[in-house]
PDB file of all heavy atoms in Angstrom:
ATOM      1  N   GLY A   1       5.932   3.088  57.524  1.00  0.00           N
ATOM      2  CA  GLY A   1       7.151   2.869  56.728  1.00  0.00           C
ATOM      3  C   GLY A   1       7.129   1.633  55.875  1.00  0.00           C
ATOM      4  O   GLY A   1       7.613   1.631  54.738  1.00  0.00           O
ATOM      5  N   TYR A   2       6.577   0.540  56.384  1.00  0.00           N
ATOM      6  CA  TYR A   2       6.578  -0.704  55.589  1.00  0.00           C
ATOM      7  C   TYR A   2       5.637  -0.612  54.373  1.00  0.00           C
ATOM      8  O   TYR A   2       5.760  -1.393  53.431  1.00  0.00           O
ATOM      9  CB  TYR A   2       6.228  -1.919  56.464  1.00  0.00           C
ATOM     10  CG  TYR A   2       4.792  -2.089  56.800  1.00  0.00           C
ATOM     11  CD1 TYR A   2       3.987  -2.955  56.070  1.00  0.00           C
ATOM     12  CD2 TYR A   2       4.200  -1.362  57.833  1.00  0.00           C
ATOM     13  CE1 TYR A   2       2.655  -3.105  56.379  1.00  0.00           C
ATOM     14  CE2 TYR A   2       2.873  -1.537  58.159  1.00  0.00           C
ATOM     15  CZ  TYR A   2       2.104  -2.397  57.414  1.00  0.00           C
ATOM     16  OH  TYR A   2       0.794  -2.551  57.723  1.00  0.00           O
ATOM     17  N   GLU A   3       4.721   0.360  54.369  1.00  0.00           N
ATOM     18  CA  GLU A   3       3.800   0.550  53.245  1.00  0.00           C
ATOM     19  C   GLU A   3       4.311   1.571  52.234  1.00  0.00           C
ATOM     20  O   GLU A   3       3.709   1.774  51.187  1.00  0.00           O
ATOM     21  CB  GLU A   3       2.451   1.074  53.756  1.00  0.00           C
ATOM     22  CG  GLU A   3       1.802   0.184  54.771  1.00  0.00           C
ATOM     23  CD  GLU A   3       0.659   0.871  55.526  1.00  0.00           C
ATOM     24  OE1 GLU A   3       0.821   2.019  55.941  1.00  0.00           O
ATOM     25  OE2 GLU A   3      -0.392   0.224  55.679  1.00  0.00           O
ATOM     26  N   CYS A   4       5.428   2.229  52.536  1.00  0.00           N
ATOM     27  CA  CYS A   4       5.927   3.339  51.736  1.00  0.00           C
ATOM     28  C   CYS A   4       6.388   2.901  50.348  1.00  0.00           C
ATOM     29  O   CYS A   4       7.075   1.889  50.188  1.00  0.00           O
ATOM     30  CB  CYS A   4       7.093   4.029  52.460  1.00  0.00           C
ATOM     31  SG  CYS A   4       7.599   5.588  51.698  1.00  0.00           S
ATOM     32  N   SER A   5       6.028   3.681  49.335  1.00  0.00           N
ATOM     33  CA  SER A   5       6.431   3.368  47.968  1.00  0.00           C
ATOM     34  C   SER A   5       7.635   4.199  47.531  1.00  0.00           C
ATOM     35  O   SER A   5       8.149   4.001  46.443  1.00  0.00           O
ATOM     36  CB  SER A   5       5.253   3.606  47.001  1.00  0.00           C
ATOM     37  OG  SER A   5       4.843   4.960  47.105  1.00  0.00           O
ATOM     38  N   GLU A   6       8.079   5.114  48.372  1.00  0.00           N
ATOM     39  CA  GLU A   6       9.279   5.914  48.064  1.00  0.00           C
ATOM     40  C   GLU A   6      10.523   5.042  48.150  1.00  0.00           C
ATOM     41  O   GLU A   6      10.526   4.006  48.812  1.00  0.00           O
ATOM     42  CB  GLU A   6       9.418   7.063  49.077  1.00  0.00           C
ATOM     43  CG  GLU A   6       8.317   8.087  49.029  1.00  0.00           C
ATOM     44  CD  GLU A   6       8.379   8.949  47.772  1.00  0.00           C
ATOM     45  OE1 GLU A   6       9.481   9.350  47.366  1.00  0.00           O
ATOM     46  OE2 GLU A   6       7.291   9.225  47.216  1.00  0.00           O
ATOM     47  N   LYS A   7      11.601   5.500  47.501  1.00  0.00           N
ATOM     48  CA  LYS A   7      12.881   4.800  47.577  1.00  0.00           C
ATOM     49  C   LYS A   7      13.313   4.720  49.034  1.00  0.00           C
ATOM     50  O   LYS A   7      13.121   5.656  49.790  1.00  0.00           O
ATOM     51  CB  LYS A   7      13.908   5.546  46.745  1.00  0.00           C
ATOM     52  CG  LYS A   7      15.224   4.839  46.647  1.00  0.00           C
ATOM     53  CD  LYS A   7      16.193   5.633  45.792  1.00  0.00           C
ATOM     54  CE  LYS A   7      17.528   4.896  45.799  1.00  0.00           C
ATOM     55  NZ  LYS A   7      18.604   5.738  45.385  1.00  0.00           N
ATOM     56  N   ARG A   8      13.896   3.599  49.404  1.00  0.00           N
ATOM     57  CA  ARG A   8      14.340   3.390  50.783  1.00  0.00           C
ATOM     58  C   ARG A   8      15.521   4.292  51.119  1.00  0.00           C
ATOM     59  O   ARG A   8      16.395   4.518  50.302  1.00  0.00           O
ATOM     60  CB  ARG A   8      14.779   1.938  50.998  1.00  0.00           C
ATOM     61  CG  ARG A   8      13.670   0.956  50.803  1.00  0.00           C
ATOM     62  CD  ARG A   8      12.855   0.822  52.056  1.00  0.00           C
ATOM     63  NE  ARG A   8      11.461   0.770  51.686  1.00  0.00           N
ATOM     64  CZ  ARG A   8      10.469   1.045  52.484  1.00  0.00           C
ATOM     65  NH1 ARG A   8      10.668   1.386  53.715  1.00  0.00           N
ATOM     66  NH2 ARG A   8       9.236   0.992  52.064  1.00  0.00           N
ATOM     67  N   MET A   9      15.543   4.772  52.393  1.00  0.00           N
ATOM     68  CA  MET A   9      16.665   5.588  52.847  1.00  0.00           C
ATOM     69  C   MET A   9      17.963   4.800  52.681  1.00  0.00           C
ATOM     70  O   MET A   9      18.970   5.351  52.236  1.00  0.00           O
ATOM     71  CB  MET A   9      16.500   5.947  54.327  1.00  0.00           C
ATOM     72  CG  MET A   9      15.362   6.881  54.603  1.00  0.00           C
ATOM     73  SD  MET A   9      15.236   7.274  56.353  1.00  0.00           S
ATOM     74  CE  MET A   9      14.772   5.702  57.050  1.00  0.00           C
ATOM     75  N   GLN A  10      17.935   3.571  53.055  1.00  0.00           N
ATOM     76  CA  GLN A  10      19.099   2.694  52.898  1.00  0.00           C
ATOM     77  C   GLN A  10      18.715   1.685  51.827  1.00  0.00           C
ATOM     78  O   GLN A  10      17.874   0.836  52.058  1.00  0.00           O
ATOM     79  CB  GLN A  10      19.395   1.994  54.207  1.00  0.00           C
ATOM     80  CG  GLN A  10      19.532   2.932  55.376  1.00  0.00           C
ATOM     81  CD  GLN A  10      20.892   2.820  56.023  1.00  0.00           C
ATOM     82  OE1 GLN A  10      21.549   1.803  55.947  1.00  0.00           O
ATOM     83  NE2 GLN A  10      21.320   3.889  56.649  1.00  0.00           N
ATOM     84  N   GLY A  11      19.327   1.788  50.680  1.00  0.00           N
ATOM     85  CA  GLY A  11      18.942   0.975  49.527  1.00  0.00           C
ATOM     86  C   GLY A  11      18.993  -0.522  49.765  1.00  0.00           C
ATOM     87  O   GLY A  11      18.259  -1.279  49.149  1.00  0.00           O
ATOM     88  N   SER A  12      19.863  -0.988  50.669  1.00  0.00           N
ATOM     89  CA  SER A  12      19.996  -2.430  50.887  1.00  0.00           C
ATOM     90  C   SER A  12      19.019  -2.945  51.925  1.00  0.00           C
ATOM     91  O   SER A  12      18.960  -4.141  52.200  1.00  0.00           O
ATOM     92  CB  SER A  12      21.422  -2.742  51.335  1.00  0.00           C
ATOM     93  OG  SER A  12      21.697  -2.109  52.556  1.00  0.00           O
ATOM     94  N   MET A  13      18.237  -2.086  52.534  1.00  0.00           N
ATOM     95  CA  MET A  13      17.294  -2.490  53.569  1.00  0.00           C
ATOM     96  C   MET A  13      15.884  -2.665  52.985  1.00  0.00           C
ATOM     97  O   MET A  13      15.433  -1.824  52.242  1.00  0.00           O
ATOM     98  CB  MET A  13      17.231  -1.446  54.694  1.00  0.00           C
ATOM     99  CG  MET A  13      18.569  -1.221  55.390  1.00  0.00           C
ATOM    100  SD  MET A  13      19.209  -2.705  56.141  1.00  0.00           S
ATOM    101  CE  MET A  13      18.158  -2.811  57.545  1.00  0.00           C
ATOM    102  N   PHE A  14      15.261  -3.761  53.368  1.00  0.00           N
ATOM    103  CA  PHE A  14      13.899  -4.016  52.936  1.00  0.00           C
ATOM    104  C   PHE A  14      12.960  -3.715  54.095  1.00  0.00           C
ATOM    105  O   PHE A  14      13.299  -3.928  55.255  1.00  0.00           O
ATOM    106  CB  PHE A  14      13.726  -5.451  52.489  1.00  0.00           C
ATOM    107  CG  PHE A  14      14.365  -5.752  51.165  1.00  0.00           C
ATOM    108  CD1 PHE A  14      15.659  -6.247  51.115  1.00  0.00           C
ATOM    109  CD2 PHE A  14      13.696  -5.517  49.982  1.00  0.00           C
ATOM    110  CE1 PHE A  14      16.262  -6.508  49.897  1.00  0.00           C
ATOM    111  CE2 PHE A  14      14.299  -5.775  48.761  1.00  0.00           C
ATOM    112  CZ  PHE A  14      15.572  -6.260  48.716  1.00  0.00           C
ATOM    113  N   PRO A  15      11.741  -3.246  53.819  1.00  0.00           N
ATOM    114  CA  PRO A  15      10.806  -2.968  54.909  1.00  0.00           C
ATOM    115  C   PRO A  15      10.279  -4.264  55.512  1.00  0.00           C
ATOM    116  O   PRO A  15      10.241  -5.296  54.849  1.00  0.00           O
ATOM    117  CB  PRO A  15       9.684  -2.207  54.198  1.00  0.00           C
ATOM    118  CG  PRO A  15       9.718  -2.707  52.800  1.00  0.00           C
ATOM    119  CD  PRO A  15      11.178  -2.983  52.494  1.00  0.00           C
ATOM    120  N   THR A  16       9.889  -4.188  56.766  1.00  0.00           N
ATOM    121  CA  THR A  16       9.232  -5.322  57.405  1.00  0.00           C
ATOM    122  C   THR A  16       7.973  -4.811  58.067  1.00  0.00           C
ATOM    123  O   THR A  16       7.889  -3.671  58.493  1.00  0.00           O
ATOM    124  CB  THR A  16      10.116  -5.988  58.480  1.00  0.00           C
ATOM    125  OG1 THR A  16      10.440  -5.032  59.466  1.00  0.00           O
ATOM    126  CG2 THR A  16      11.392  -6.567  57.881  1.00  0.00           C
ATOM    127  N   SER A  17       6.979  -5.662  58.137  1.00  0.00           N
ATOM    128  CA  SER A  17       5.717  -5.297  58.740  1.00  0.00           C
ATOM    129  C   SER A  17       5.866  -5.250  60.268  1.00  0.00           C
ATOM    130  O   SER A  17       6.524  -6.107  60.841  1.00  0.00           O
ATOM    131  CB  SER A  17       4.661  -6.324  58.364  1.00  0.00           C
ATOM    132  OG  SER A  17       3.490  -6.112  59.114  1.00  0.00           O
ATOM    133  N   PRO A  18       5.250  -4.293  60.944  1.00  0.00           N
ATOM    134  CA  PRO A  18       5.339  -4.228  62.401  1.00  0.00           C
ATOM    135  C   PRO A  18       4.336  -5.135  63.108  1.00  0.00           C
ATOM    136  O   PRO A  18       4.297  -5.157  64.326  1.00  0.00           O
ATOM    137  CB  PRO A  18       5.040  -2.749  62.694  1.00  0.00           C
ATOM    138  CG  PRO A  18       4.106  -2.343  61.589  1.00  0.00           C
ATOM    139  CD  PRO A  18       4.552  -3.124  60.376  1.00  0.00           C
ATOM    140  N   PHE A  19       3.530  -5.848  62.380  1.00  0.00           N
ATOM    141  CA  PHE A  19       2.469  -6.672  62.973  1.00  0.00           C
ATOM    142  C   PHE A  19       2.850  -8.127  63.008  1.00  0.00           C
ATOM    143  O   PHE A  19       3.670  -8.609  62.220  1.00  0.00           O
ATOM    144  CB  PHE A  19       1.168  -6.510  62.183  1.00  0.00           C
ATOM    145  CG  PHE A  19       0.738  -5.076  62.058  1.00  0.00           C
ATOM    146  CD1 PHE A  19       0.802  -4.435  60.829  1.00  0.00           C
ATOM    147  CD2 PHE A  19       0.299  -4.370  63.170  1.00  0.00           C
ATOM    148  CE1 PHE A  19       0.422  -3.115  60.720  1.00  0.00           C
ATOM    149  CE2 PHE A  19      -0.085  -3.047  63.059  1.00  0.00           C
ATOM    150  CZ  PHE A  19      -0.036  -2.421  61.821  1.00  0.00           C
ATOM    151  N   VAL A  20       2.251  -8.871  63.900  1.00  0.00           N
ATOM    152  CA  VAL A  20       2.445 -10.320  63.989  1.00  0.00           C
ATOM    153  C   VAL A  20       1.252 -10.956  63.282  1.00  0.00           C
ATOM    154  O   VAL A  20       0.112 -10.757  63.684  1.00  0.00           O
ATOM    155  CB  VAL A  20       2.519 -10.798  65.453  1.00  0.00           C
ATOM    156  CG1 VAL A  20       2.663 -12.315  65.495  1.00  0.00           C
ATOM    157  CG2 VAL A  20       3.672 -10.142  66.157  1.00  0.00           C
ATOM    158  N   TYR A  21       1.515 -11.679  62.201  1.00  0.00           N
ATOM    159  CA  TYR A  21       0.449 -12.313  61.443  1.00  0.00           C
ATOM    160  C   TYR A  21       0.230 -13.765  61.859  1.00  0.00           C
ATOM    161  O   TYR A  21      -0.820 -14.318  61.623  1.00  0.00           O
ATOM    162  CB  TYR A  21       0.764 -12.250  59.941  1.00  0.00           C
ATOM    163  CG  TYR A  21       0.746 -10.833  59.423  1.00  0.00           C
ATOM    164  CD1 TYR A  21       1.925 -10.146  59.209  1.00  0.00           C
ATOM    165  CD2 TYR A  21      -0.460 -10.176  59.182  1.00  0.00           C
ATOM    166  CE1 TYR A  21       1.917  -8.837  58.753  1.00  0.00           C
ATOM    167  CE2 TYR A  21      -0.479  -8.881  58.725  1.00  0.00           C
ATOM    168  CZ  TYR A  21       0.715  -8.196  58.513  1.00  0.00           C
ATOM    169  OH  TYR A  21       0.699  -6.917  58.064  1.00  0.00           O
ATOM    170  N   TYR A  22       1.264 -14.371  62.428  1.00  0.00           N
ATOM    171  CA  TYR A  22       1.181 -15.781  62.764  1.00  0.00           C
ATOM    172  C   TYR A  22       1.969 -16.030  64.049  1.00  0.00           C
ATOM    173  O   TYR A  22       3.114 -15.618  64.170  1.00  0.00           O
ATOM    174  CB  TYR A  22       1.761 -16.605  61.620  1.00  0.00           C
ATOM    175  CG  TYR A  22       1.777 -18.079  61.878  1.00  0.00           C
ATOM    176  CD1 TYR A  22       0.625 -18.850  61.769  1.00  0.00           C
ATOM    177  CD2 TYR A  22       2.965 -18.717  62.235  1.00  0.00           C
ATOM    178  CE1 TYR A  22       0.641 -20.203  62.023  1.00  0.00           C
ATOM    179  CE2 TYR A  22       2.983 -20.074  62.484  1.00  0.00           C
ATOM    180  CZ  TYR A  22       1.814 -20.812  62.367  1.00  0.00           C
ATOM    181  OH  TYR A  22       1.834 -22.143  62.616  1.00  0.00           O
ATOM    182  N   TYR A  23       1.355 -16.695  65.010  1.00  0.00           N
ATOM    183  CA  TYR A  23       2.031 -17.094  66.239  1.00  0.00           C
ATOM    184  C   TYR A  23       2.413 -18.560  66.151  1.00  0.00           C
ATOM    185  O   TYR A  23       1.573 -19.402  65.795  1.00  0.00           O
ATOM    186  CB  TYR A  23       1.118 -16.861  67.456  1.00  0.00           C
ATOM    187  CG  TYR A  23       0.968 -15.422  67.819  1.00  0.00           C
ATOM    188  CD1 TYR A  23      -0.052 -14.645  67.272  1.00  0.00           C
ATOM    189  CD2 TYR A  23       1.851 -14.804  68.701  1.00  0.00           C
ATOM    190  CE1 TYR A  23      -0.187 -13.299  67.603  1.00  0.00           C
ATOM    191  CE2 TYR A  23       1.712 -13.467  69.045  1.00  0.00           C
ATOM    192  CZ  TYR A  23       0.700 -12.725  68.483  1.00  0.00           C
ATOM    193  OH  TYR A  23       0.572 -11.413  68.807  1.00  0.00           O
ATOM    194  N   ASP A  24       3.668 -18.895  66.446  1.00  0.00           N
ATOM    195  CA  ASP A  24       4.143 -20.259  66.368  1.00  0.00           C
ATOM    196  C   ASP A  24       3.535 -21.143  67.472  1.00  0.00           C
ATOM    197  O   ASP A  24       3.304 -20.667  68.570  1.00  0.00           O
ATOM    198  CB  ASP A  24       5.663 -20.317  66.550  1.00  0.00           C
ATOM    199  CG  ASP A  24       6.408 -19.782  65.355  1.00  0.00           C
ATOM    200  OD1 ASP A  24       5.833 -19.756  64.247  1.00  0.00           O
ATOM    201  OD2 ASP A  24       7.586 -19.407  65.511  1.00  0.00           O
ATOM    202  N   ASP A  25       3.353 -22.397  67.150  1.00  0.00           N
ATOM    203  CA  ASP A  25       3.010 -23.357  68.184  1.00  0.00           C
ATOM    204  C   ASP A  25       4.274 -24.193  68.449  1.00  0.00           C
ATOM    205  O   ASP A  25       5.326 -23.960  67.849  1.00  0.00           O
ATOM    206  CB  ASP A  25       1.808 -24.239  67.800  1.00  0.00           C
ATOM    207  CG  ASP A  25       2.021 -25.031  66.532  1.00  0.00           C
ATOM    208  OD1 ASP A  25       3.192 -25.246  66.132  1.00  0.00           O
ATOM    209  OD2 ASP A  25       1.022 -25.466  65.921  1.00  0.00           O
ATOM    210  N   GLU A  26       4.203 -25.156  69.336  1.00  0.00           N
ATOM    211  CA  GLU A  26       5.367 -25.927  69.725  1.00  0.00           C
ATOM    212  C   GLU A  26       5.993 -26.680  68.536  1.00  0.00           C
ATOM    213  O   GLU A  26       7.209 -26.753  68.404  1.00  0.00           O
ATOM    214  CB  GLU A  26       4.966 -26.930  70.819  1.00  0.00           C
ATOM    215  CG  GLU A  26       6.132 -27.446  71.613  1.00  0.00           C
ATOM    216  CD  GLU A  26       5.703 -28.301  72.792  1.00  0.00           C
ATOM    217  OE1 GLU A  26       4.657 -28.005  73.395  1.00  0.00           O
ATOM    218  OE2 GLU A  26       6.421 -29.272  73.079  1.00  0.00           O
ATOM    219  N   CYS A  27       5.152 -27.207  67.664  1.00  0.00           N
ATOM    220  CA  CYS A  27       5.647 -27.927  66.476  1.00  0.00           C
ATOM    221  C   CYS A  27       6.433 -27.021  65.559  1.00  0.00           C
ATOM    222  O   CYS A  27       7.481 -27.398  65.021  1.00  0.00           O
ATOM    223  CB  CYS A  27       4.514 -28.565  65.705  1.00  0.00           C
ATOM    224  SG  CYS A  27       3.751 -29.937  66.565  1.00  0.00           S
ATOM    225  N   ASP A  28       5.940 -25.789  65.339  1.00  0.00           N
ATOM    226  CA  ASP A  28       6.636 -24.809  64.487  1.00  0.00           C
ATOM    227  C   ASP A  28       8.025 -24.504  65.047  1.00  0.00           C
ATOM    228  O   ASP A  28       9.001 -24.410  64.303  1.00  0.00           O
ATOM    229  CB  ASP A  28       5.848 -23.517  64.382  1.00  0.00           C
ATOM    230  CG  ASP A  28       4.513 -23.675  63.679  1.00  0.00           C
ATOM    231  OD1 ASP A  28       4.450 -24.444  62.708  1.00  0.00           O
ATOM    232  OD2 ASP A  28       3.540 -23.037  64.111  1.00  0.00           O
ATOM    233  N   ILE A  29       8.108 -24.327  66.360  1.00  0.00           N
ATOM    234  CA  ILE A  29       9.379 -23.991  66.996  1.00  0.00           C
ATOM    235  C   ILE A  29      10.369 -25.132  66.835  1.00  0.00           C
ATOM    236  O   ILE A  29      11.534 -24.929  66.504  1.00  0.00           O
ATOM    237  CB  ILE A  29       9.150 -23.630  68.480  1.00  0.00           C
ATOM    238  CG1 ILE A  29       8.343 -22.345  68.571  1.00  0.00           C
ATOM    239  CG2 ILE A  29      10.473 -23.508  69.226  1.00  0.00           C
ATOM    240  CD1 ILE A  29       7.805 -22.021  69.951  1.00  0.00           C
ATOM    241  N   LYS A  30       9.923 -26.378  67.030  1.00  0.00           N
ATOM    242  CA  LYS A  30      10.788 -27.545  66.874  1.00  0.00           C
ATOM    243  C   LYS A  30      11.238 -27.715  65.432  1.00  0.00           C
ATOM    244  O   LYS A  30      12.405 -28.012  65.162  1.00  0.00           O
ATOM    245  CB  LYS A  30      10.070 -28.811  67.364  1.00  0.00           C
ATOM    246  CG  LYS A  30       9.973 -28.894  68.869  1.00  0.00           C
ATOM    247  CD  LYS A  30       9.240 -30.139  69.300  1.00  0.00           C
ATOM    248  CE  LYS A  30       9.127 -30.181  70.819  1.00  0.00           C
ATOM    249  NZ  LYS A  30       8.372 -31.340  71.294  1.00  0.00           N
ATOM    250  N   ARG A  31      10.324 -27.496  64.468  1.00  0.00           N
ATOM    251  CA  ARG A  31      10.681 -27.600  63.054  1.00  0.00           C
ATOM    252  C   ARG A  31      11.743 -26.593  62.665  1.00  0.00           C
ATOM    253  O   ARG A  31      12.682 -26.897  61.952  1.00  0.00           O
ATOM    254  CB  ARG A  31       9.437 -27.406  62.171  1.00  0.00           C
ATOM    255  CG  ARG A  31       8.934 -28.704  61.614  1.00  0.00           C
ATOM    256  CD  ARG A  31       7.785 -28.507  60.659  1.00  0.00           C
ATOM    257  NE  ARG A  31       6.592 -28.683  61.476  1.00  0.00           N
ATOM    258  CZ  ARG A  31       5.518 -27.941  61.425  1.00  0.00           C
ATOM    259  NH1 ARG A  31       5.421 -26.959  60.571  1.00  0.00           N
ATOM    260  NH2 ARG A  31       4.496 -28.160  62.199  1.00  0.00           N
ATOM    261  N   ARG A  32      11.573 -25.339  63.137  1.00  0.00           N
ATOM    262  CA  ARG A  32      12.538 -24.298  62.828  1.00  0.00           C
ATOM    263  C   ARG A  32      13.916 -24.612  63.436  1.00  0.00           C
ATOM    264  O   ARG A  32      14.944 -24.448  62.801  1.00  0.00           O
ATOM    265  CB  ARG A  32      12.057 -22.924  63.311  1.00  0.00           C
ATOM    266  CG  ARG A  32      12.966 -21.803  62.872  1.00  0.00           C
ATOM    267  CD  ARG A  32      12.432 -20.413  63.122  1.00  0.00           C
ATOM    268  NE  ARG A  32      11.983 -20.185  64.477  1.00  0.00           N
ATOM    269  CZ  ARG A  32      10.717 -20.062  64.845  1.00  0.00           C
ATOM    270  NH1 ARG A  32       9.746 -20.144  63.939  1.00  0.00           N
ATOM    271  NH2 ARG A  32      10.383 -19.860  66.095  1.00  0.00           N
ATOM    272  N   ALA A  33      13.935 -25.142  64.647  1.00  0.00           N
ATOM    273  CA  ALA A  33      15.190 -25.509  65.305  1.00  0.00           C
ATOM    274  C   ALA A  33      15.906 -26.607  64.506  1.00  0.00           C
ATOM    275  O   ALA A  33      17.134 -26.552  64.339  1.00  0.00           O
ATOM    276  CB  ALA A  33      14.933 -25.986  66.728  1.00  0.00           C
ATOM    277  N   LYS A  34      15.169 -27.594  63.983  1.00  0.00           N
ATOM    278  CA  LYS A  34      15.768 -28.657  63.167  1.00  0.00           C
ATOM    279  C   LYS A  34      16.371 -28.076  61.890  1.00  0.00           C
ATOM    280  O   LYS A  34      17.465 -28.445  61.496  1.00  0.00           O
ATOM    281  CB  LYS A  34      14.700 -29.701  62.777  1.00  0.00           C
ATOM    282  CG  LYS A  34      14.518 -30.790  63.765  1.00  0.00           C
ATOM    283  CD  LYS A  34      13.560 -31.834  63.176  1.00  0.00           C
ATOM    284  CE  LYS A  34      13.274 -32.921  64.162  1.00  0.00           C
ATOM    285  NZ  LYS A  34      12.268 -33.871  63.663  1.00  0.00           N
ATOM    286  N   ARG A  35      15.617 -27.171  61.231  1.00  0.00           N
ATOM    287  CA  ARG A  35      16.129 -26.553  59.993  1.00  0.00           C
ATOM    288  C   ARG A  35      17.406 -25.762  60.266  1.00  0.00           C
ATOM    289  O   ARG A  35      18.347 -25.820  59.482  1.00  0.00           O
ATOM    290  CB  ARG A  35      15.073 -25.657  59.353  1.00  0.00           C
ATOM    291  CG  ARG A  35      13.981 -26.391  58.638  1.00  0.00           C
ATOM    292  CD  ARG A  35      13.127 -25.481  57.776  1.00  0.00           C
ATOM    293  NE  ARG A  35      12.536 -24.356  58.488  1.00  0.00           N
ATOM    294  CZ  ARG A  35      11.364 -24.380  59.104  1.00  0.00           C
ATOM    295  NH1 ARG A  35      10.650 -25.494  59.110  1.00  0.00           N
ATOM    296  NH2 ARG A  35      10.878 -23.316  59.709  1.00  0.00           N
ATOM    297  N   LEU A  36      17.439 -25.043  61.367  1.00  0.00           N
ATOM    298  CA  LEU A  36      18.626 -24.256  61.699  1.00  0.00           C
ATOM    299  C   LEU A  36      19.823 -25.145  62.017  1.00  0.00           C
ATOM    300  O   LEU A  36      20.942 -24.824  61.625  1.00  0.00           O
ATOM    301  CB  LEU A  36      18.315 -23.316  62.869  1.00  0.00           C
ATOM    302  CG  LEU A  36      17.334 -22.194  62.535  1.00  0.00           C
ATOM    303  CD1 LEU A  36      16.993 -21.383  63.780  1.00  0.00           C
ATOM    304  CD2 LEU A  36      17.861 -21.286  61.441  1.00  0.00           C
ATOM    305  N   LYS A  37      19.585 -26.274  62.691  1.00  0.00           N
ATOM    306  CA  LYS A  37      20.688 -27.211  62.959  1.00  0.00           C
ATOM    307  C   LYS A  37      21.248 -27.779  61.644  1.00  0.00           C
ATOM    308  O   LYS A  37      22.453 -27.935  61.496  1.00  0.00           O
ATOM    309  CB  LYS A  37      20.213 -28.343  63.865  1.00  0.00           C
ATOM    310  CG  LYS A  37      20.125 -27.939  65.319  1.00  0.00           C
ATOM    311  CD  LYS A  37      19.677 -29.113  66.184  1.00  0.00           C
ATOM    312  CE  LYS A  37      19.528 -28.666  67.623  1.00  0.00           C
ATOM    313  NZ  LYS A  37      19.041 -29.746  68.487  1.00  0.00           N
ATOM    314  N   ARG A  38      20.329 -28.098  60.705  1.00  0.00           N
ATOM    315  CA  ARG A  38      20.763 -28.597  59.391  1.00  0.00           C
ATOM    316  C   ARG A  38      21.583 -27.538  58.668  1.00  0.00           C
ATOM    317  O   ARG A  38      22.613 -27.841  58.038  1.00  0.00           O
ATOM    318  CB  ARG A  38      19.561 -28.988  58.532  1.00  0.00           C
ATOM    319  CG  ARG A  38      19.236 -30.446  58.562  1.00  0.00           C
ATOM    320  CD  ARG A  38      18.335 -30.891  57.417  1.00  0.00           C
ATOM    321  NE  ARG A  38      17.260 -29.986  57.056  1.00  0.00           N
ATOM    322  CZ  ARG A  38      16.020 -30.013  57.547  1.00  0.00           C
ATOM    323  NH1 ARG A  38      15.694 -30.898  58.453  1.00  0.00           N
ATOM    324  NH2 ARG A  38      15.121 -29.155  57.156  1.00  0.00           N
ATOM    325  N   LYS A  39      21.137 -26.299  58.746  1.00  0.00           N
ATOM    326  CA  LYS A  39      21.863 -25.190  58.072  1.00  0.00           C
ATOM    327  C   LYS A  39      23.256 -25.025  58.651  1.00  0.00           C
ATOM    328  O   LYS A  39      24.229 -24.874  57.915  1.00  0.00           O
ATOM    329  CB  LYS A  39      21.053 -23.898  58.217  1.00  0.00           C
ATOM    330  CG  LYS A  39      21.664 -22.722  57.527  1.00  0.00           C
ATOM    331  CD  LYS A  39      20.770 -21.515  57.698  1.00  0.00           C
ATOM    332  CE  LYS A  39      21.380 -20.294  57.076  1.00  0.00           C
ATOM    333  NZ  LYS A  39      20.519 -19.124  57.224  1.00  0.00           N
ATOM    334  N   VAL A  40      23.377 -25.083  59.969  1.00  0.00           N
ATOM    335  CA  VAL A  40      24.681 -24.971  60.636  1.00  0.00           C
ATOM    336  C   VAL A  40      25.573 -26.123  60.188  1.00  0.00           C
ATOM    337  O   VAL A  40      26.744 -25.935  59.875  1.00  0.00           O
ATOM    338  CB  VAL A  40      24.507 -24.950  62.167  1.00  0.00           C
ATOM    339  CG1 VAL A  40      25.852 -25.155  62.874  1.00  0.00           C
ATOM    340  CG2 VAL A  40      23.900 -23.618  62.604  1.00  0.00           C
ATOM    341  N   ALA A  41      25.028 -27.337  60.151  1.00  0.00           N
ATOM    342  CA  ALA A  41      25.814 -28.509  59.720  1.00  0.00           C
ATOM    343  C   ALA A  41      26.296 -28.346  58.285  1.00  0.00           C
ATOM    344  O   ALA A  41      27.442 -28.654  57.968  1.00  0.00           O
ATOM    345  CB  ALA A  41      24.992 -29.788  59.872  1.00  0.00           C
ATOM    346  N   ASP A  42      25.425 -27.852  57.388  1.00  0.00           N
ATOM    347  CA  ASP A  42      25.799 -27.638  56.000  1.00  0.00           C
ATOM    348  C   ASP A  42      26.925 -26.608  55.885  1.00  0.00           C
ATOM    349  O   ASP A  42      27.873 -26.799  55.129  1.00  0.00           O
ATOM    350  CB  ASP A  42      24.607 -27.155  55.173  1.00  0.00           C
ATOM    351  CG  ASP A  42      23.552 -28.234  54.961  1.00  0.00           C
ATOM    352  OD1 ASP A  42      23.854 -29.414  55.218  1.00  0.00           O
ATOM    353  OD2 ASP A  42      22.430 -27.875  54.542  1.00  0.00           O
ATOM    354  N   LEU A  43      26.824 -25.529  56.637  1.00  0.00           N
ATOM    355  CA  LEU A  43      27.866 -24.511  56.613  1.00  0.00           C
ATOM    356  C   LEU A  43      29.186 -25.025  57.182  1.00  0.00           C
ATOM    357  O   LEU A  43      30.267 -24.737  56.650  1.00  0.00           O
ATOM    358  CB  LEU A  43      27.427 -23.256  57.380  1.00  0.00           C
ATOM    359  CG  LEU A  43      26.375 -22.397  56.681  1.00  0.00           C
ATOM    360  CD1 LEU A  43      25.797 -21.378  57.646  1.00  0.00           C
ATOM    361  CD2 LEU A  43      26.954 -21.708  55.471  1.00  0.00           C
ATOM    362  N   GLN A  44      29.129 -25.815  58.245  1.00  0.00           N
ATOM    363  CA  GLN A  44      30.341 -26.392  58.806  1.00  0.00           C
ATOM    364  C   GLN A  44      30.977 -27.390  57.841  1.00  0.00           C
ATOM    365  O   GLN A  44      32.193 -27.400  57.675  1.00  0.00           O
ATOM    366  CB  GLN A  44      30.046 -27.073  60.144  1.00  0.00           C
ATOM    367  CG  GLN A  44      29.819 -26.090  61.266  1.00  0.00           C
ATOM    368  CD  GLN A  44      29.391 -26.751  62.561  1.00  0.00           C
ATOM    369  OE1 GLN A  44      28.823 -27.838  62.580  1.00  0.00           O
ATOM    370  NE2 GLN A  44      29.635 -26.069  63.664  1.00  0.00           N
ATOM    371  N   GLU A  45      30.145 -28.171  57.165  1.00  0.00           N
ATOM    372  CA  GLU A  45      30.653 -29.129  56.197  1.00  0.00           C
ATOM    373  C   GLU A  45      31.356 -28.433  55.035  1.00  0.00           C
ATOM    374  O   GLU A  45      32.358 -28.903  54.506  1.00  0.00           O
ATOM    375  CB  GLU A  45      29.492 -29.981  55.676  1.00  0.00           C
ATOM    376  CG  GLU A  45      29.924 -31.161  54.813  1.00  0.00           C
ATOM    377  CD  GLU A  45      28.720 -31.965  54.386  1.00  0.00           C
ATOM    378  OE1 GLU A  45      27.953 -32.408  55.257  1.00  0.00           O
ATOM    379  OE2 GLU A  45      28.559 -32.168  53.161  1.00  0.00           O
TER     380      GLU A  45
END
């Protein structure tokens, strides 16, 4: 499905790959958590 060139059944949905291309390490997880906290703070502000 993610390789399909036909029009999507649900026009607002984008395909996603079923494979894992990259596994996070501890630093990646901490960086993502910081970005998400910043995003929450921006939305609250």
